[in-house]
Amino acid sequence: MSRRPSIGEAEVLVRLEAACRSAGGQRAWARRHGVSQTAVSEVIRGIRGEHGIPPGILAGLGLRAVARAYESANATESGKER
């Protein structure tokens, strides 16, 4: 099984903004994909809390979330734990 290339959050935002422009605005895109315009606006403005980009928005872009990476809360800037 080949691995699909992943994209970063910045690319997701670029795609969402372009999709909204193409659809005639955030409200039109949101309505077409069954998500709230507020959620679309919050993602574009960077207000999405600890849960990341909502699954409905990702699905509307033809994307899905993959596991996130985590690091130790005790890591220092040099990468060593305290």
PDB file of N, CA and C in Angstrom:
ATOM      1  N   MET A   1       0.844  -1.171   0.000  1.00  0.00           N
ATOM      2  CA  MET A   1       0.000   0.000   0.000  1.00  0.00           C
ATOM      3  C   MET A   1       0.895   1.243   0.000  1.00  0.00           C
ATOM      4  N   SER A   2       0.683   2.150  -0.947  1.00  0.00           N
ATOM      5  CA  SER A   2       1.505   3.361  -0.989  1.00  0.00           C
ATOM      6  C   SER A   2       0.933   4.414  -0.046  1.00  0.00           C
ATOM      7  N   ARG A   3       1.827   5.188   0.466  1.00  0.00           N
ATOM      8  CA  ARG A   3       1.438   6.225   1.415  1.00  0.00           C
ATOM      9  C   ARG A   3       1.065   7.502   0.668  1.00  0.00           C
ATOM     10  N   ARG A   4      -0.043   8.089   1.037  1.00  0.00           N
ATOM     11  CA  ARG A   4      -0.483   9.332   0.409  1.00  0.00           C
ATOM     12  C   ARG A   4       0.307  10.497   0.997  1.00  0.00           C
ATOM     13  N   PRO A   5       0.627  11.484   0.169  1.00  0.00           N
ATOM     14  CA  PRO A   5       1.344  12.641   0.717  1.00  0.00           C
ATOM     15  C   PRO A   5       0.439  13.438   1.662  1.00  0.00           C
ATOM     16  N   SER A   6       0.994  13.914   2.741  1.00  0.00           N
ATOM     17  CA  SER A   6       0.199  14.711   3.669  1.00  0.00           C
ATOM     18  C   SER A   6       0.486  16.188   3.429  1.00  0.00           C
ATOM     19  N   ILE A   7      -0.461  17.013   3.849  1.00  0.00           N
ATOM     20  CA  ILE A   7      -0.289  18.460   3.717  1.00  0.00           C
ATOM     21  C   ILE A   7      -0.426  19.078   5.102  1.00  0.00           C
ATOM     22  N   GLY A   8       0.126  20.233   5.257  1.00  0.00           N
ATOM     23  CA  GLY A   8       0.056  20.931   6.530  1.00  0.00           C
ATOM     24  C   GLY A   8      -1.197  21.788   6.643  1.00  0.00           C
ATOM     25  N   GLU A   9      -1.397  22.289   7.845  1.00  0.00           N
ATOM     26  CA  GLU A   9      -2.576  23.114   8.111  1.00  0.00           C
ATOM     27  C   GLU A   9      -2.600  24.360   7.235  1.00  0.00           C
ATOM     28  N   ALA A  10      -1.446  24.937   6.966  1.00  0.00           N
ATOM     29  CA  ALA A  10      -1.398  26.141   6.130  1.00  0.00           C
ATOM     30  C   ALA A  10      -1.952  25.858   4.740  1.00  0.00           C
ATOM     31  N   GLU A  11      -1.635  24.697   4.183  1.00  0.00           N
ATOM     32  CA  GLU A  11      -2.145  24.324   2.862  1.00  0.00           C
ATOM     33  C   GLU A  11      -3.651  24.086   2.911  1.00  0.00           C
ATOM     34  N   VAL A  12      -4.140  23.522   4.004  1.00  0.00           N
ATOM     35  CA  VAL A  12      -5.587  23.323   4.158  1.00  0.00           C
ATOM     36  C   VAL A  12      -6.282  24.688   4.129  1.00  0.00           C
ATOM     37  N   LEU A  13      -5.714  25.659   4.812  1.00  0.00           N
ATOM     38  CA  LEU A  13      -6.319  26.994   4.835  1.00  0.00           C
ATOM     39  C   LEU A  13      -6.306  27.634   3.453  1.00  0.00           C
ATOM     40  N   VAL A  14      -5.212  27.469   2.722  1.00  0.00           N
ATOM     41  CA  VAL A  14      -5.137  27.990   1.348  1.00  0.00           C
ATOM     42  C   VAL A  14      -6.233  27.365   0.500  1.00  0.00           C
ATOM     43  N   ARG A  15      -6.395  26.056   0.630  1.00  0.00           N
ATOM     44  CA  ARG A  15      -7.432  25.352  -0.142  1.00  0.00           C
ATOM     45  C   ARG A  15      -8.829  25.786   0.256  1.00  0.00           C
ATOM     46  N   LEU A  16      -9.056  25.988   1.550  1.00  0.00           N
ATOM     47  CA  LEU A  16     -10.376  26.420   2.018  1.00  0.00           C
ATOM     48  C   LEU A  16     -10.698  27.813   1.509  1.00  0.00           C
ATOM     49  N   GLU A  17      -9.747  28.711   1.606  1.00  0.00           N
ATOM     50  CA  GLU A  17      -9.979  30.076   1.113  1.00  0.00           C
ATOM     51  C   GLU A  17     -10.278  30.083  -0.384  1.00  0.00           C
ATOM     52  N   ALA A  18      -9.517  29.302  -1.148  1.00  0.00           N
ATOM     53  CA  ALA A  18      -9.749  29.222  -2.599  1.00  0.00           C
ATOM     54  C   ALA A  18     -11.111  28.605  -2.900  1.00  0.00           C
ATOM     55  N   ALA A  19     -11.479  27.567  -2.160  1.00  0.00           N
ATOM     56  CA  ALA A  19     -12.769  26.918  -2.367  1.00  0.00           C
ATOM     57  C   ALA A  19     -13.916  27.885  -2.071  1.00  0.00           C
ATOM     58  N   CYS A  20     -13.757  28.677  -1.021  1.00  0.00           N
ATOM     59  CA  CYS A  20     -14.799  29.656  -0.667  1.00  0.00           C
ATOM     60  C   CYS A  20     -14.930  30.718  -1.758  1.00  0.00           C
ATOM     61  N   ARG A  21     -13.794  31.202  -2.265  1.00  0.00           N
ATOM     62  CA  ARG A  21     -13.844  32.189  -3.353  1.00  0.00           C
ATOM     63  C   ARG A  21     -14.546  31.604  -4.573  1.00  0.00           C
ATOM     64  N   SER A  22     -14.199  30.386  -4.901  1.00  0.00           N
ATOM     65  CA  SER A  22     -14.767  29.718  -6.072  1.00  0.00           C
ATOM     66  C   SER A  22     -16.275  29.485  -5.920  1.00  0.00           C
ATOM     67  N   ALA A  23     -16.718  29.247  -4.690  1.00  0.00           N
ATOM     68  CA  ALA A  23     -18.141  28.984  -4.420  1.00  0.00           C
ATOM     69  C   ALA A  23     -18.960  30.266  -4.306  1.00  0.00           C
ATOM     70  N   GLY A  24     -18.293  31.420  -4.251  1.00  0.00           N
ATOM     71  CA  GLY A  24     -19.008  32.681  -4.102  1.00  0.00           C
ATOM     72  C   GLY A  24     -19.031  33.194  -2.677  1.00  0.00           C
ATOM     73  N   GLY A  25     -18.190  32.643  -1.826  1.00  0.00           N
ATOM     74  CA  GLY A  25     -18.088  33.118  -0.445  1.00  0.00           C
ATOM     75  C   GLY A  25     -18.190  31.988   0.568  1.00  0.00           C
ATOM     76  N   GLN A  26     -17.864  32.328   1.795  1.00  0.00           N
ATOM     77  CA  GLN A  26     -17.875  31.344   2.886  1.00  0.00           C
ATOM     78  C   GLN A  26     -19.259  30.750   3.097  1.00  0.00           C
ATOM     79  N   ARG A  27     -20.262  31.594   3.098  1.00  0.00           N
ATOM     80  CA  ARG A  27     -21.618  31.107   3.355  1.00  0.00           C
ATOM     81  C   ARG A  27     -22.060  30.104   2.286  1.00  0.00           C
ATOM     82  N   ALA A  28     -21.788  30.418   1.027  1.00  0.00           N
ATOM     83  CA  ALA A  28     -22.169  29.517  -0.060  1.00  0.00           C
ATOM     84  C   ALA A  28     -21.429  28.185   0.051  1.00  0.00           C
ATOM     85  N   TRP A  29     -20.125  28.232   0.325  1.00  0.00           N
ATOM     86  CA  TRP A  29     -19.352  26.996   0.449  1.00  0.00           C
ATOM     87  C   TRP A  29     -19.848  26.175   1.632  1.00  0.00           C
ATOM     88  N   ALA A  30     -20.065  26.845   2.752  1.00  0.00           N
ATOM     89  CA  ALA A  30     -20.530  26.155   3.963  1.00  0.00           C
ATOM     90  C   ALA A  30     -21.880  25.479   3.716  1.00  0.00           C
ATOM     91  N   ARG A  31     -22.800  26.184   3.110  1.00  0.00           N
ATOM     92  CA  ARG A  31     -24.129  25.630   2.829  1.00  0.00           C
ATOM     93  C   ARG A  31     -24.019  24.410   1.911  1.00  0.00           C
ATOM     94  N   ARG A  32     -23.168  24.518   0.904  1.00  0.00           N
ATOM     95  CA  ARG A  32     -22.993  23.427  -0.064  1.00  0.00           C
ATOM     96  C   ARG A  32     -22.422  22.164   0.592  1.00  0.00           C
ATOM     97  N   HIS A  33     -21.656  22.345   1.669  1.00  0.00           N
ATOM     98  CA  HIS A  33     -20.992  21.203   2.302  1.00  0.00           C
ATOM     99  C   HIS A  33     -21.556  20.842   3.677  1.00  0.00           C
ATOM    100  N   GLY A  34     -22.647  21.474   4.059  1.00  0.00           N
ATOM    101  CA  GLY A  34     -23.337  21.113   5.291  1.00  0.00           C
ATOM    102  C   GLY A  34     -22.609  21.475   6.578  1.00  0.00           C
ATOM    103  N   VAL A  35     -21.849  22.561   6.529  1.00  0.00           N
ATOM    104  CA  VAL A  35     -21.179  23.048   7.737  1.00  0.00           C
ATOM    105  C   VAL A  35     -21.599  24.491   7.978  1.00  0.00           C
ATOM    106  N   SER A  36     -21.352  24.978   9.168  1.00  0.00           N
ATOM    107  CA  SER A  36     -21.763  26.354   9.455  1.00  0.00           C
ATOM    108  C   SER A  36     -20.746  27.356   8.909  1.00  0.00           C
ATOM    109  N   GLN A  37     -21.259  28.487   8.488  1.00  0.00           N
ATOM    110  CA  GLN A  37     -20.390  29.558   7.994  1.00  0.00           C
ATOM    111  C   GLN A  37     -19.492  30.044   9.125  1.00  0.00           C
ATOM    112  N   THR A  38     -19.994  29.996  10.354  1.00  0.00           N
ATOM    113  CA  THR A  38     -19.193  30.398  11.506  1.00  0.00           C
ATOM    114  C   THR A  38     -17.965  29.509  11.641  1.00  0.00           C
ATOM    115  N   ALA A  39     -18.156  28.195  11.481  1.00  0.00           N
ATOM    116  CA  ALA A  39     -17.023  27.269  11.577  1.00  0.00           C
ATOM    117  C   ALA A  39     -15.991  27.562  10.487  1.00  0.00           C
ATOM    118  N   VAL A  40     -16.454  27.812   9.275  1.00  0.00           N
ATOM    119  CA  VAL A  40     -15.547  28.131   8.170  1.00  0.00           C
ATOM    120  C   VAL A  40     -14.768  29.400   8.494  1.00  0.00           C
ATOM    121  N   SER A  41     -15.459  30.419   8.941  1.00  0.00           N
ATOM    122  CA  SER A  41     -14.818  31.680   9.292  1.00  0.00           C
ATOM    123  C   SER A  41     -13.790  31.506  10.404  1.00  0.00           C
ATOM    124  N   GLU A  42     -14.147  30.727  11.413  1.00  0.00           N
ATOM    125  CA  GLU A  42     -13.225  30.519  12.534  1.00  0.00           C
ATOM    126  C   GLU A  42     -11.972  29.769  12.097  1.00  0.00           C
ATOM    127  N   VAL A  43     -12.118  28.813  11.209  1.00  0.00           N
ATOM    128  CA  VAL A  43     -10.942  28.089  10.710  1.00  0.00           C
ATOM    129  C   VAL A  43     -10.042  29.051   9.942  1.00  0.00           C
ATOM    130  N   ILE A  44     -10.626  29.834   9.057  1.00  0.00           N
ATOM    131  CA  ILE A  44      -9.838  30.767   8.252  1.00  0.00           C
ATOM    132  C   ILE A  44      -9.139  31.801   9.138  1.00  0.00           C
ATOM    133  N   ARG A  45      -9.809  32.239  10.193  1.00  0.00           N
ATOM    134  CA  ARG A  45      -9.215  33.246  11.091  1.00  0.00           C
ATOM    135  C   ARG A  45      -8.297  32.642  12.144  1.00  0.00           C
ATOM    136  N   GLY A  46      -8.205  31.314  12.185  1.00  0.00           N
ATOM    137  CA  GLY A  46      -7.313  30.664  13.143  1.00  0.00           C
ATOM    138  C   GLY A  46      -7.915  30.449  14.512  1.00  0.00           C
ATOM    139  N   ILE A  47      -9.240  30.533  14.620  1.00  0.00           N
ATOM    140  CA  ILE A  47      -9.935  30.333  15.899  1.00  0.00           C
ATOM    141  C   ILE A  47     -10.608  28.971  15.844  1.00  0.00           C
ATOM    142  N   ARG A  48      -9.914  27.925  16.251  1.00  0.00           N
ATOM    143  CA  ARG A  48     -10.538  26.607  16.173  1.00  0.00           C
ATOM    144  C   ARG A  48     -10.269  25.764  17.397  1.00  0.00           C
ATOM    145  N   GLY A  49      -9.649  26.324  18.415  1.00  0.00           N
ATOM    146  CA  GLY A  49      -9.455  25.595  19.661  1.00  0.00           C
ATOM    147  C   GLY A  49      -8.507  24.426  19.519  1.00  0.00           C
ATOM    148  N   GLU A  50      -8.548  23.556  20.482  1.00  0.00           N
ATOM    149  CA  GLU A  50      -7.613  22.429  20.515  1.00  0.00           C
ATOM    150  C   GLU A  50      -8.026  21.274  19.621  1.00  0.00           C
ATOM    151  N   HIS A  51      -9.202  21.342  19.019  1.00  0.00           N
ATOM    152  CA  HIS A  51      -9.713  20.223  18.236  1.00  0.00           C
ATOM    153  C   HIS A  51      -9.343  20.284  16.762  1.00  0.00           C
ATOM    154  N   GLY A  52      -8.679  21.328  16.345  1.00  0.00           N
ATOM    155  CA  GLY A  52      -8.258  21.426  14.952  1.00  0.00           C
ATOM    156  C   GLY A  52      -9.396  21.753  14.009  1.00  0.00           C
ATOM    157  N   ILE A  53      -9.183  21.464  12.761  1.00  0.00           N
ATOM    158  CA  ILE A  53     -10.161  21.770  11.720  1.00  0.00           C
ATOM    159  C   ILE A  53     -11.275  20.727  11.766  1.00  0.00           C
ATOM    160  N   PRO A  54     -12.534  21.172  11.826  1.00  0.00           N
ATOM    161  CA  PRO A  54     -13.665  20.229  11.924  1.00  0.00           C
ATOM    162  C   PRO A  54     -13.701  19.235  10.764  1.00  0.00           C
ATOM    163  N   PRO A  55     -14.084  17.991  11.054  1.00  0.00           N
ATOM    164  CA  PRO A  55     -14.137  16.951  10.024  1.00  0.00           C
ATOM    165  C   PRO A  55     -15.016  17.317   8.823  1.00  0.00           C
ATOM    166  N   GLY A  56     -16.113  18.026   9.052  1.00  0.00           N
ATOM    167  CA  GLY A  56     -16.996  18.397   7.947  1.00  0.00           C
ATOM    168  C   GLY A  56     -16.327  19.337   6.956  1.00  0.00           C
ATOM    169  N   ILE A  57     -15.489  20.216   7.457  1.00  0.00           N
ATOM    170  CA  ILE A  57     -14.754  21.132   6.573  1.00  0.00           C
ATOM    171  C   ILE A  57     -13.706  20.345   5.795  1.00  0.00           C
ATOM    172  N   LEU A  58     -12.989  19.477   6.484  1.00  0.00           N
ATOM    173  CA  LEU A  58     -11.995  18.650   5.793  1.00  0.00           C
ATOM    174  C   LEU A  58     -12.662  17.812   4.703  1.00  0.00           C
ATOM    175  N   ALA A  59     -13.805  17.195   5.032  1.00  0.00           N
ATOM    176  CA  ALA A  59     -14.512  16.367   4.053  1.00  0.00           C
ATOM    177  C   ALA A  59     -14.933  17.186   2.839  1.00  0.00           C
ATOM    178  N   GLY A  60     -15.380  18.404   3.070  1.00  0.00           N
ATOM    179  CA  GLY A  60     -15.780  19.281   1.971  1.00  0.00           C
ATOM    180  C   GLY A  60     -14.628  19.617   1.036  1.00  0.00           C
ATOM    181  N   LEU A  61     -13.421  19.540   1.570  1.00  0.00           N
ATOM    182  CA  LEU A  61     -12.216  19.791   0.769  1.00  0.00           C
ATOM    183  C   LEU A  61     -11.630  18.497   0.199  1.00  0.00           C
ATOM    184  N   GLY A  62     -12.295  17.375   0.495  1.00  0.00           N
ATOM    185  CA  GLY A  62     -11.784  16.088   0.037  1.00  0.00           C
ATOM    186  C   GLY A  62     -10.593  15.601   0.844  1.00  0.00           C
ATOM    187  N   LEU A  63     -10.527  16.028   2.095  1.00  0.00           N
ATOM    188  CA  LEU A  63      -9.411  15.671   2.979  1.00  0.00           C
ATOM    189  C   LEU A  63      -9.920  14.928   4.205  1.00  0.00           C
ATOM    190  N   ARG A  64      -9.015  14.347   4.949  1.00  0.00           N
ATOM    191  CA  ARG A  64      -9.337  13.753   6.246  1.00  0.00           C
ATOM    192  C   ARG A  64      -8.162  13.991   7.169  1.00  0.00           C
ATOM    193  N   ALA A  65      -8.437  14.004   8.456  1.00  0.00           N
ATOM    194  CA  ALA A  65      -7.391  14.213   9.455  1.00  0.00           C
ATOM    195  C   ALA A  65      -6.624  12.915   9.673  1.00  0.00           C
ATOM    196  N   VAL A  66      -5.351  13.058   9.961  1.00  0.00           N
ATOM    197  CA  VAL A  66      -4.520  11.917  10.353  1.00  0.00           C
ATOM    198  C   VAL A  66      -3.982  12.209  11.745  1.00  0.00           C
ATOM    199  N   ALA A  67      -3.416  11.204  12.368  1.00  0.00           N
ATOM    200  CA  ALA A  67      -2.946  11.364  13.753  1.00  0.00           C
ATOM    201  C   ALA A  67      -2.010  12.562  13.891  1.00  0.00           C
ATOM    202  N   ARG A  68      -2.149  13.232  14.995  1.00  0.00           N
ATOM    203  CA  ARG A  68      -1.274  14.361  15.315  1.00  0.00           C
ATOM    204  C   ARG A  68      -0.035  13.864  16.034  1.00  0.00           C
ATOM    205  N   ALA A  69       0.994  14.660  16.022  1.00  0.00           N
ATOM    206  CA  ALA A  69       2.221  14.337  16.758  1.00  0.00           C
ATOM    207  C   ALA A  69       2.173  15.047  18.108  1.00  0.00           C
ATOM    208  N   TYR A  70       2.824  14.457  19.078  1.00  0.00           N
ATOM    209  CA  TYR A  70       2.869  15.036  20.420  1.00  0.00           C
ATOM    210  C   TYR A  70       4.312  15.043  20.905  1.00  0.00           C
ATOM    211  N   GLU A  71       4.611  15.961  21.814  1.00  0.00           N
ATOM    212  CA  GLU A  71       5.937  15.997  22.415  1.00  0.00           C
ATOM    213  C   GLU A  71       5.805  16.147  23.913  1.00  0.00           C
ATOM    214  N   SER A  72       6.864  15.853  24.608  1.00  0.00           N
ATOM    215  CA  SER A  72       6.872  15.951  26.058  1.00  0.00           C
ATOM    216  C   SER A  72       6.682  17.395  26.500  1.00  0.00           C
ATOM    217  N   ALA A  73       5.850  17.596  27.492  1.00  0.00           N
ATOM    218  CA  ALA A  73       5.650  18.935  28.036  1.00  0.00           C
ATOM    219  C   ALA A  73       6.877  19.395  28.803  1.00  0.00           C
ATOM    220  N   ASN A  74       7.760  18.469  29.117  1.00  0.00           N
ATOM    221  CA  ASN A  74       8.970  18.788  29.864  1.00  0.00           C
ATOM    222  C   ASN A  74      10.176  19.016  28.970  1.00  0.00           C
ATOM    223  N   ALA A  75       9.991  18.997  27.672  1.00  0.00           N
ATOM    224  CA  ALA A  75      11.116  19.187  26.747  1.00  0.00           C
ATOM    225  C   ALA A  75      11.629  20.622  26.814  1.00  0.00           C
ATOM    226  N   THR A  76      12.926  20.772  26.774  1.00  0.00           N
ATOM    227  CA  THR A  76      13.535  22.098  26.719  1.00  0.00           C
ATOM    228  C   THR A  76      13.797  22.439  25.268  1.00  0.00           C
ATOM    229  N   GLU A  77      14.286  23.630  25.010  1.00  0.00           N
ATOM    230  CA  GLU A  77      14.544  24.025  23.636  1.00  0.00           C
ATOM    231  C   GLU A  77      15.599  23.155  22.974  1.00  0.00           C
ATOM    232  N   SER A  78      16.530  22.617  23.737  1.00  0.00           N
ATOM    233  CA  SER A  78      17.570  21.769  23.158  1.00  0.00           C
ATOM    234  C   SER A  78      17.062  20.359  22.883  1.00  0.00           C
ATOM    235  N   GLY A  79      15.816  20.060  23.264  1.00  0.00           N
ATOM    236  CA  GLY A  79      15.246  18.753  23.011  1.00  0.00           C
ATOM    237  C   GLY A  79      15.446  17.767  24.134  1.00  0.00           C
ATOM    238  N   LYS A  80      16.152  18.159  25.198  1.00  0.00           N
ATOM    239  CA  LYS A  80      16.358  17.269  26.329  1.00  0.00           C
ATOM    240  C   LYS A  80      15.276  17.491  27.354  1.00  0.00           C
ATOM    241  N   GLU A  81      14.872  16.411  28.002  1.00  0.00           N
ATOM    242  CA  GLU A  81      13.858  16.525  29.044  1.00  0.00           C
ATOM    243  C   GLU A  81      14.488  16.993  30.336  1.00  0.00           C
ATOM    244  N   ARG A  82      13.704  17.711  31.115  1.00  0.00           N
ATOM    245  CA  ARG A  82      14.187  18.179  32.418  1.00  0.00           C
ATOM    246  C   ARG A  82      14.170  17.076  33.421  1.00  0.00           C
TER     247      ARG A  82
END
